[in-house]
């Protein structure tokens, strides 16, 4: 059975952007150069974005916990000081 090649969505994007570059990488085995460090900068930007998302999720969880504690204290105060 012949081996099936899988074309990923990122490859379709690369093909639409530049067919020749896609062909050179896919068929010719050539790798593109990191011109002006753009790939490195992009990777770093994605890492920073992921960290900020994780920080926002943690802050949201803390806020929900504090809200729950505040509601419990309010109920407790209402029951004790009626």
PDB file of N, CA and C in Angstrom:
ATOM      1  N   UNK A   1       0.842  -1.175   0.000  1.00  0.00           N
ATOM      2  CA  UNK A   1       0.000   0.000   0.000  1.00  0.00           C
ATOM      3  C   UNK A   1       0.889   1.240   0.000  1.00  0.00           C
ATOM      4  N   UNK A   2       0.611   2.209  -0.856  1.00  0.00           N
ATOM      5  CA  UNK A   2       1.439   3.411  -0.869  1.00  0.00           C
ATOM      6  C   UNK A   2       1.190   4.266   0.368  1.00  0.00           C
ATOM      7  N   UNK A   3       2.238   4.916   0.817  1.00  0.00           N
ATOM      8  CA  UNK A   3       2.138   5.770   1.995  1.00  0.00           C
ATOM      9  C   UNK A   3       1.360   7.038   1.640  1.00  0.00           C
ATOM     10  N   UNK A   4       0.384   7.375   2.459  1.00  0.00           N
ATOM     11  CA  UNK A   4      -0.426   8.569   2.223  1.00  0.00           C
ATOM     12  C   UNK A   4       0.247   9.768   2.878  1.00  0.00           C
ATOM     13  N   UNK A   5       0.314  10.853   2.155  1.00  0.00           N
ATOM     14  CA  UNK A   5       0.863  12.072   2.728  1.00  0.00           C
ATOM     15  C   UNK A   5      -0.282  12.931   3.246  1.00  0.00           C
ATOM     16  N   UNK A   6      -0.049  13.540   4.377  1.00  0.00           N
ATOM     17  CA  UNK A   6      -1.052  14.389   5.012  1.00  0.00           C
ATOM     18  C   UNK A   6      -0.646  15.843   4.792  1.00  0.00           C
ATOM     19  N   UNK A   7      -1.567  16.620   4.304  1.00  0.00           N
ATOM     20  CA  UNK A   7      -1.321  18.054   4.143  1.00  0.00           C
ATOM     21  C   UNK A   7      -2.091  18.767   5.235  1.00  0.00           C
ATOM     22  N   UNK A   8      -1.363  19.495   6.059  1.00  0.00           N
ATOM     23  CA  UNK A   8      -1.959  20.196   7.188  1.00  0.00           C
ATOM     24  C   UNK A   8      -2.444  21.583   6.769  1.00  0.00           C
ATOM     25  N   UNK A   9      -3.269  22.193   7.624  1.00  0.00           N
ATOM     26  CA  UNK A   9      -3.815  23.520   7.338  1.00  0.00           C
ATOM     27  C   UNK A   9      -2.705  24.551   7.193  1.00  0.00           C
ATOM     28  N   UNK A  10      -1.655  24.427   8.004  1.00  0.00           N
ATOM     29  CA  UNK A  10      -0.555  25.388   7.904  1.00  0.00           C
ATOM     30  C   UNK A  10       0.140  25.276   6.551  1.00  0.00           C
ATOM     31  N   UNK A  11       0.184  24.067   6.005  1.00  0.00           N
ATOM     32  CA  UNK A  11       0.779  23.893   4.681  1.00  0.00           C
ATOM     33  C   UNK A  11      -0.083  24.542   3.605  1.00  0.00           C
ATOM     34  N   UNK A  12      -1.391  24.474   3.765  1.00  0.00           N
ATOM     35  CA  UNK A  12      -2.280  25.123   2.799  1.00  0.00           C
ATOM     36  C   UNK A  12      -2.048  26.631   2.829  1.00  0.00           C
ATOM     37  N   UNK A  13      -1.903  27.171   4.035  1.00  0.00           N
ATOM     38  CA  UNK A  13      -1.611  28.594   4.165  1.00  0.00           C
ATOM     39  C   UNK A  13      -0.293  28.957   3.514  1.00  0.00           C
ATOM     40  N   UNK A  14       0.718  28.107   3.711  1.00  0.00           N
ATOM     41  CA  UNK A  14       2.020  28.357   3.093  1.00  0.00           C
ATOM     42  C   UNK A  14       1.915  28.265   1.578  1.00  0.00           C
ATOM     43  N   UNK A  15       1.120  27.329   1.094  1.00  0.00           N
ATOM     44  CA  UNK A  15       0.942  27.173  -0.357  1.00  0.00           C
ATOM     45  C   UNK A  15       0.246  28.396  -0.954  1.00  0.00           C
ATOM     46  N   UNK A  16      -0.792  28.875  -0.263  1.00  0.00           N
ATOM     47  CA  UNK A  16      -1.519  30.042  -0.763  1.00  0.00           C
ATOM     48  C   UNK A  16      -0.608  31.266  -0.760  1.00  0.00           C
ATOM     49  N   UNK A  17       0.223  31.375   0.285  1.00  0.00           N
ATOM     50  CA  UNK A  17       1.128  32.524   0.383  1.00  0.00           C
ATOM     51  C   UNK A  17       2.198  32.475  -0.712  1.00  0.00           C
ATOM     52  N   UNK A  18       2.831  31.302  -0.884  1.00  0.00           N
ATOM     53  CA  UNK A  18       3.883  31.185  -1.898  1.00  0.00           C
ATOM     54  C   UNK A  18       4.008  29.722  -2.316  1.00  0.00           C
ATOM     55  N   UNK A  19       3.473  29.416  -3.490  1.00  0.00           N
ATOM     56  CA  UNK A  19       3.486  28.032  -3.983  1.00  0.00           C
ATOM     57  C   UNK A  19       4.907  27.506  -4.151  1.00  0.00           C
ATOM     58  N   UNK A  20       5.775  28.360  -4.628  1.00  0.00           N
ATOM     59  CA  UNK A  20       7.157  27.928  -4.877  1.00  0.00           C
ATOM     60  C   UNK A  20       7.853  27.546  -3.571  1.00  0.00           C
ATOM     61  N   UNK A  21       7.680  28.369  -2.529  1.00  0.00           N
ATOM     62  CA  UNK A  21       8.301  28.059  -1.232  1.00  0.00           C
ATOM     63  C   UNK A  21       7.734  26.756  -0.674  1.00  0.00           C
ATOM     64  N   UNK A  22       6.414  26.561  -0.814  1.00  0.00           N
ATOM     65  CA  UNK A  22       5.817  25.322  -0.339  1.00  0.00           C
ATOM     66  C   UNK A  22       6.408  24.132  -1.080  1.00  0.00           C
ATOM     67  N   UNK A  23       6.507  24.256  -2.393  1.00  0.00           N
ATOM     68  CA  UNK A  23       7.045  23.158  -3.200  1.00  0.00           C
ATOM     69  C   UNK A  23       8.497  22.874  -2.839  1.00  0.00           C
ATOM     70  N   UNK A  24       9.297  23.928  -2.676  1.00  0.00           N
ATOM     71  CA  UNK A  24      10.707  23.729  -2.336  1.00  0.00           C
ATOM     72  C   UNK A  24      10.850  23.006  -1.000  1.00  0.00           C
ATOM     73  N   UNK A  25      10.005  23.349  -0.038  1.00  0.00           N
ATOM     74  CA  UNK A  25      10.087  22.689   1.265  1.00  0.00           C
ATOM     75  C   UNK A  25       9.550  21.267   1.200  1.00  0.00           C
ATOM     76  N   UNK A  26       8.398  21.092   0.570  1.00  0.00           N
ATOM     77  CA  UNK A  26       7.729  19.788   0.549  1.00  0.00           C
ATOM     78  C   UNK A  26       8.436  18.783  -0.354  1.00  0.00           C
ATOM     79  N   UNK A  27       8.800  19.192  -1.561  1.00  0.00           N
ATOM     80  CA  UNK A  27       9.367  18.280  -2.542  1.00  0.00           C
ATOM     81  C   UNK A  27      10.894  18.344  -2.541  1.00  0.00           C
ATOM     82  N   UNK A  28      11.417  19.562  -2.496  1.00  0.00           N
ATOM     83  CA  UNK A  28      12.860  19.729  -2.582  1.00  0.00           C
ATOM     84  C   UNK A  28      13.597  19.533  -1.274  1.00  0.00           C
ATOM     85  N   UNK A  29      12.877  19.594  -0.147  1.00  0.00           N
ATOM     86  CA  UNK A  29      13.501  19.386   1.148  1.00  0.00           C
ATOM     87  C   UNK A  29      14.260  20.599   1.664  1.00  0.00           C
ATOM     88  N   UNK A  30      14.045  21.760   1.067  1.00  0.00           N
ATOM     89  CA  UNK A  30      14.723  22.973   1.516  1.00  0.00           C
ATOM     90  C   UNK A  30      13.946  23.606   2.660  1.00  0.00           C
ATOM     91  N   UNK A  31      14.653  24.161   3.622  1.00  0.00           N
ATOM     92  CA  UNK A  31      14.037  24.870   4.735  1.00  0.00           C
ATOM     93  C   UNK A  31      14.210  26.363   4.527  1.00  0.00           C
ATOM     94  N   UNK A  32      13.194  27.131   4.889  1.00  0.00           N
ATOM     95  CA  UNK A  32      13.299  28.582   4.770  1.00  0.00           C
ATOM     96  C   UNK A  32      14.166  29.127   5.898  1.00  0.00           C
ATOM     97  N   UNK A  33      14.809  30.239   5.627  1.00  0.00           N
ATOM     98  CA  UNK A  33      15.658  30.871   6.625  1.00  0.00           C
ATOM     99  C   UNK A  33      14.812  31.774   7.507  1.00  0.00           C
ATOM    100  N   UNK A  34      15.285  31.968   8.720  1.00  0.00           N
ATOM    101  CA  UNK A  34      14.612  32.858   9.660  1.00  0.00           C
ATOM    102  C   UNK A  34      15.066  34.288   9.355  1.00  0.00           C
ATOM    103  N   UNK A  35      14.401  34.898   8.378  1.00  0.00           N
ATOM    104  CA  UNK A  35      14.792  36.224   7.924  1.00  0.00           C
ATOM    105  C   UNK A  35      14.495  37.254   9.001  1.00  0.00           C
ATOM    106  N   UNK A  36      15.516  37.982   9.392  1.00  0.00           N
ATOM    107  CA  UNK A  36      15.418  39.045  10.400  1.00  0.00           C
ATOM    108  C   UNK A  36      14.864  38.551  11.735  1.00  0.00           C
ATOM    109  N   UNK A  37      14.939  37.279  12.014  1.00  0.00           N
ATOM    110  CA  UNK A  37      14.474  36.741  13.287  1.00  0.00           C
ATOM    111  C   UNK A  37      12.974  36.783  13.464  1.00  0.00           C
ATOM    112  N   UNK A  38      12.208  36.875  12.370  1.00  0.00           N
ATOM    113  CA  UNK A  38      10.756  36.999  12.482  1.00  0.00           C
ATOM    114  C   UNK A  38      10.107  35.758  13.079  1.00  0.00           C
ATOM    115  N   UNK A  39      10.598  34.577  12.724  1.00  0.00           N
ATOM    116  CA  UNK A  39      10.021  33.352  13.292  1.00  0.00           C
ATOM    117  C   UNK A  39      10.317  33.270  14.782  1.00  0.00           C
ATOM    118  N   UNK A  40      11.535  33.648  15.153  1.00  0.00           N
ATOM    119  CA  UNK A  40      11.918  33.635  16.564  1.00  0.00           C
ATOM    120  C   UNK A  40      11.067  34.637  17.338  1.00  0.00           C
ATOM    121  N   UNK A  41      10.874  35.828  16.783  1.00  0.00           N
ATOM    122  CA  UNK A  41      10.043  36.837  17.440  1.00  0.00           C
ATOM    123  C   UNK A  41       8.598  36.368  17.552  1.00  0.00           C
ATOM    124  N   UNK A  42       8.109  35.730  16.506  1.00  0.00           N
ATOM    125  CA  UNK A  42       6.732  35.234  16.530  1.00  0.00           C
ATOM    126  C   UNK A  42       6.540  34.154  17.578  1.00  0.00           C
ATOM    127  N   UNK A  43       7.505  33.255  17.685  1.00  0.00           N
ATOM    128  CA  UNK A  43       7.436  32.206  18.698  1.00  0.00           C
ATOM    129  C   UNK A  43       7.441  32.808  20.091  1.00  0.00           C
ATOM    130  N   UNK A  44       8.306  33.796  20.312  1.00  0.00           N
ATOM    131  CA  UNK A  44       8.373  34.459  21.620  1.00  0.00           C
ATOM    132  C   UNK A  44       7.061  35.182  21.925  1.00  0.00           C
ATOM    133  N   UNK A  45       6.473  35.822  20.917  1.00  0.00           N
ATOM    134  CA  UNK A  45       5.203  36.520  21.119  1.00  0.00           C
ATOM    135  C   UNK A  45       4.093  35.532  21.485  1.00  0.00           C
ATOM    136  N   UNK A  46       4.077  34.371  20.843  1.00  0.00           N
ATOM    137  CA  UNK A  46       3.073  33.369  21.175  1.00  0.00           C
ATOM    138  C   UNK A  46       3.266  32.841  22.593  1.00  0.00           C
ATOM    139  N   UNK A  47       4.502  32.663  23.008  1.00  0.00           N
ATOM    140  CA  UNK A  47       4.761  32.215  24.384  1.00  0.00           C
ATOM    141  C   UNK A  47       4.286  33.250  25.394  1.00  0.00           C
ATOM    142  N   UNK A  48       4.580  34.536  25.128  1.00  0.00           N
ATOM    143  CA  UNK A  48       4.124  35.597  26.028  1.00  0.00           C
ATOM    144  C   UNK A  48       2.601  35.639  26.092  1.00  0.00           C
ATOM    145  N   UNK A  49       1.957  35.483  24.950  1.00  0.00           N
ATOM    146  CA  UNK A  49       0.500  35.502  24.913  1.00  0.00           C
ATOM    147  C   UNK A  49      -0.074  34.334  25.720  1.00  0.00           C
ATOM    148  N   UNK A  50       0.515  33.157  25.572  1.00  0.00           N
ATOM    149  CA  UNK A  50       0.060  31.998  26.334  1.00  0.00           C
ATOM    150  C   UNK A  50       0.215  32.208  27.830  1.00  0.00           C
ATOM    151  N   UNK A  51       1.325  32.826  28.228  1.00  0.00           N
ATOM    152  CA  UNK A  51       1.536  33.102  29.648  1.00  0.00           C
ATOM    153  C   UNK A  51       0.501  34.087  30.174  1.00  0.00           C
ATOM    154  N   UNK A  52       0.183  35.107  29.385  1.00  0.00           N
ATOM    155  CA  UNK A  52      -0.815  36.084  29.842  1.00  0.00           C
ATOM    156  C   UNK A  52      -2.199  35.435  29.937  1.00  0.00           C
ATOM    157  N   UNK A  53      -2.501  34.494  29.041  1.00  0.00           N
ATOM    158  CA  UNK A  53      -3.773  33.782  29.133  1.00  0.00           C
ATOM    159  C   UNK A  53      -3.845  32.921  30.388  1.00  0.00           C
ATOM    160  N   UNK A  54      -2.754  32.226  30.683  1.00  0.00           N
ATOM    161  CA  UNK A  54      -2.733  31.408  31.906  1.00  0.00           C
ATOM    162  C   UNK A  54      -2.869  32.278  33.155  1.00  0.00           C
ATOM    163  N   UNK A  55      -2.215  33.437  33.152  1.00  0.00           N
ATOM    164  CA  UNK A  55      -2.301  34.359  34.282  1.00  0.00           C
ATOM    165  C   UNK A  55      -3.743  34.872  34.433  1.00  0.00           C
ATOM    166  N   UNK A  56      -4.393  35.201  33.324  1.00  0.00           N
ATOM    167  CA  UNK A  56      -5.778  35.678  33.372  1.00  0.00           C
ATOM    168  C   UNK A  56      -6.713  34.583  33.890  1.00  0.00           C
ATOM    169  N   UNK A  57      -6.483  33.342  33.488  1.00  0.00           N
ATOM    170  CA  UNK A  57      -7.319  32.233  33.969  1.00  0.00           C
ATOM    171  C   UNK A  57      -7.136  32.043  35.476  1.00  0.00           C
ATOM    172  N   UNK A  58      -5.900  32.149  35.945  1.00  0.00           N
ATOM    173  CA  UNK A  58      -5.639  32.020  37.383  1.00  0.00           C
ATOM    174  C   UNK A  58      -6.311  33.156  38.146  1.00  0.00           C
ATOM    175  N   UNK A  59      -6.224  34.385  37.634  1.00  0.00           N
ATOM    176  CA  UNK A  59      -6.864  35.521  38.294  1.00  0.00           C
ATOM    177  C   UNK A  59      -8.374  35.353  38.330  1.00  0.00           C
ATOM    178  N   UNK A  60      -8.955  34.802  37.281  1.00  0.00           N
ATOM    179  CA  UNK A  60     -10.396  34.562  37.255  1.00  0.00           C
ATOM    180  C   UNK A  60     -10.785  33.535  38.313  1.00  0.00           C
ATOM    181  N   UNK A  61     -10.000  32.468  38.436  1.00  0.00           N
ATOM    182  CA  UNK A  61     -10.300  31.450  39.443  1.00  0.00           C
ATOM    183  C   UNK A  61     -10.200  32.030  40.852  1.00  0.00           C
ATOM    184  N   UNK A  62      -9.183  32.837  41.096  1.00  0.00           N
ATOM    185  CA  UNK A  62      -9.029  33.473  42.410  1.00  0.00           C
ATOM    186  C   UNK A  62     -10.208  34.389  42.686  1.00  0.00           C
ATOM    187  N   UNK A  63     -10.635  35.163  41.681  1.00  0.00           N
ATOM    188  CA  UNK A  63     -11.774  36.071  41.850  1.00  0.00           C
ATOM    189  C   UNK A  63     -13.045  35.291  42.188  1.00  0.00           C
ATOM    190  N   UNK A  64     -13.264  34.154  41.526  1.00  0.00           N
ATOM    191  CA  UNK A  64     -14.456  33.352  41.814  1.00  0.00           C
ATOM    192  C   UNK A  64     -14.408  32.771  43.220  1.00  0.00           C
ATOM    193  N   UNK A  65     -13.241  32.345  43.650  1.00  0.00           N
ATOM    194  CA  UNK A  65     -13.083  31.820  45.018  1.00  0.00           C
ATOM    195  C   UNK A  65     -13.365  32.919  46.037  1.00  0.00           C
ATOM    196  N   UNK A  66     -12.817  34.108  45.804  1.00  0.00           N
ATOM    197  CA  UNK A  66     -13.044  35.224  46.727  1.00  0.00           C
ATOM    198  C   UNK A  66     -14.513  35.639  46.735  1.00  0.00           C
ATOM    199  N   UNK A  67     -15.158  35.604  45.578  1.00  0.00           N
ATOM    200  CA  UNK A  67     -16.582  35.913  45.515  1.00  0.00           C
ATOM    201  C   UNK A  67     -17.386  34.907  46.338  1.00  0.00           C
ATOM    202  N   UNK A  68     -17.052  33.632  46.196  1.00  0.00           N
ATOM    203  CA  UNK A  68     -17.739  32.596  46.968  1.00  0.00           C
ATOM    204  C   UNK A  68     -17.526  32.772  48.458  1.00  0.00           C
ATOM    205  N   UNK A  69     -16.297  33.098  48.855  1.00  0.00           N
ATOM    206  CA  UNK A  69     -16.018  33.334  50.279  1.00  0.00           C
ATOM    207  C   UNK A  69     -16.790  34.545  50.786  1.00  0.00           C
ATOM    208  N   UNK A  70     -16.861  35.584  49.982  1.00  0.00           N
ATOM    209  CA  UNK A  70     -17.614  36.777  50.378  1.00  0.00           C
ATOM    210  C   UNK A  70     -19.092  36.471  50.565  1.00  0.00           C
ATOM    211  N   UNK A  71     -19.651  35.683  49.658  1.00  0.00           N
ATOM    212  CA  UNK A  71     -21.058  35.304  49.797  1.00  0.00           C
ATOM    213  C   UNK A  71     -21.286  34.458  51.045  1.00  0.00           C
ATOM    214  N   UNK A  72     -20.364  33.542  51.321  1.00  0.00           N
ATOM    215  CA  UNK A  72     -20.487  32.737  52.534  1.00  0.00           C
ATOM    216  C   UNK A  72     -20.419  33.609  53.783  1.00  0.00           C
ATOM    217  N   UNK A  73     -19.525  34.572  53.815  1.00  0.00           N
ATOM    218  CA  UNK A  73     -19.425  35.480  54.964  1.00  0.00           C
ATOM    219  C   UNK A  73     -20.684  36.328  55.099  1.00  0.00           C
ATOM    220  N   UNK A  74     -21.250  36.749  53.984  1.00  0.00           N
ATOM    221  CA  UNK A  74     -22.482  37.532  54.016  1.00  0.00           C
ATOM    222  C   UNK A  74     -23.627  36.707  54.593  1.00  0.00           C
ATOM    223  N   UNK A  75     -23.745  35.474  54.151  1.00  0.00           N
ATOM    224  CA  UNK A  75     -24.791  34.586  54.677  1.00  0.00           C
ATOM    225  C   UNK A  75     -24.573  34.329  56.157  1.00  0.00           C
ATOM    226  N   UNK A  76     -23.323  34.077  56.541  1.00  0.00           N
ATOM    227  CA  UNK A  76     -22.991  33.849  57.949  1.00  0.00           C
ATOM    228  C   UNK A  76     -23.348  35.066  58.790  1.00  0.00           C
ATOM    229  N   UNK A  77     -22.988  36.251  58.325  1.00  0.00           N
ATOM    230  CA  UNK A  77     -23.279  37.487  59.056  1.00  0.00           C
ATOM    231  C   UNK A  77     -24.782  37.690  59.156  1.00  0.00           C
ATOM    232  N   UNK A  78     -25.510  37.392  58.114  1.00  0.00           N
ATOM    233  CA  UNK A  78     -26.960  37.543  58.122  1.00  0.00           C
ATOM    234  C   UNK A  78     -27.593  36.605  59.152  1.00  0.00           C
ATOM    235  N   UNK A  79     -27.084  35.365  59.213  1.00  0.00           N
ATOM    236  CA  UNK A  79     -27.667  34.399  60.161  1.00  0.00           C
ATOM    237  C   UNK A  79     -27.306  34.735  61.602  1.00  0.00           C
ATOM    238  N   UNK A  80     -26.101  35.234  61.822  1.00  0.00           N
ATOM    239  CA  UNK A  80     -25.661  35.503  63.203  1.00  0.00           C
ATOM    240  C   UNK A  80     -26.236  36.805  63.718  1.00  0.00           C
ATOM    241  N   UNK A  81     -26.316  37.846  62.929  1.00  0.00           N
ATOM    242  CA  UNK A  81     -26.699  39.182  63.400  1.00  0.00           C
ATOM    243  C   UNK A  81     -28.117  39.584  62.997  1.00  0.00           C
ATOM    244  N   UNK A  82     -29.026  38.646  62.810  1.00  0.00           N
ATOM    245  CA  UNK A  82     -30.375  39.016  62.433  1.00  0.00           C
ATOM    246  C   UNK A  82     -31.020  39.754  63.510  1.00  0.00           C
TER     247      UNK A  82
END
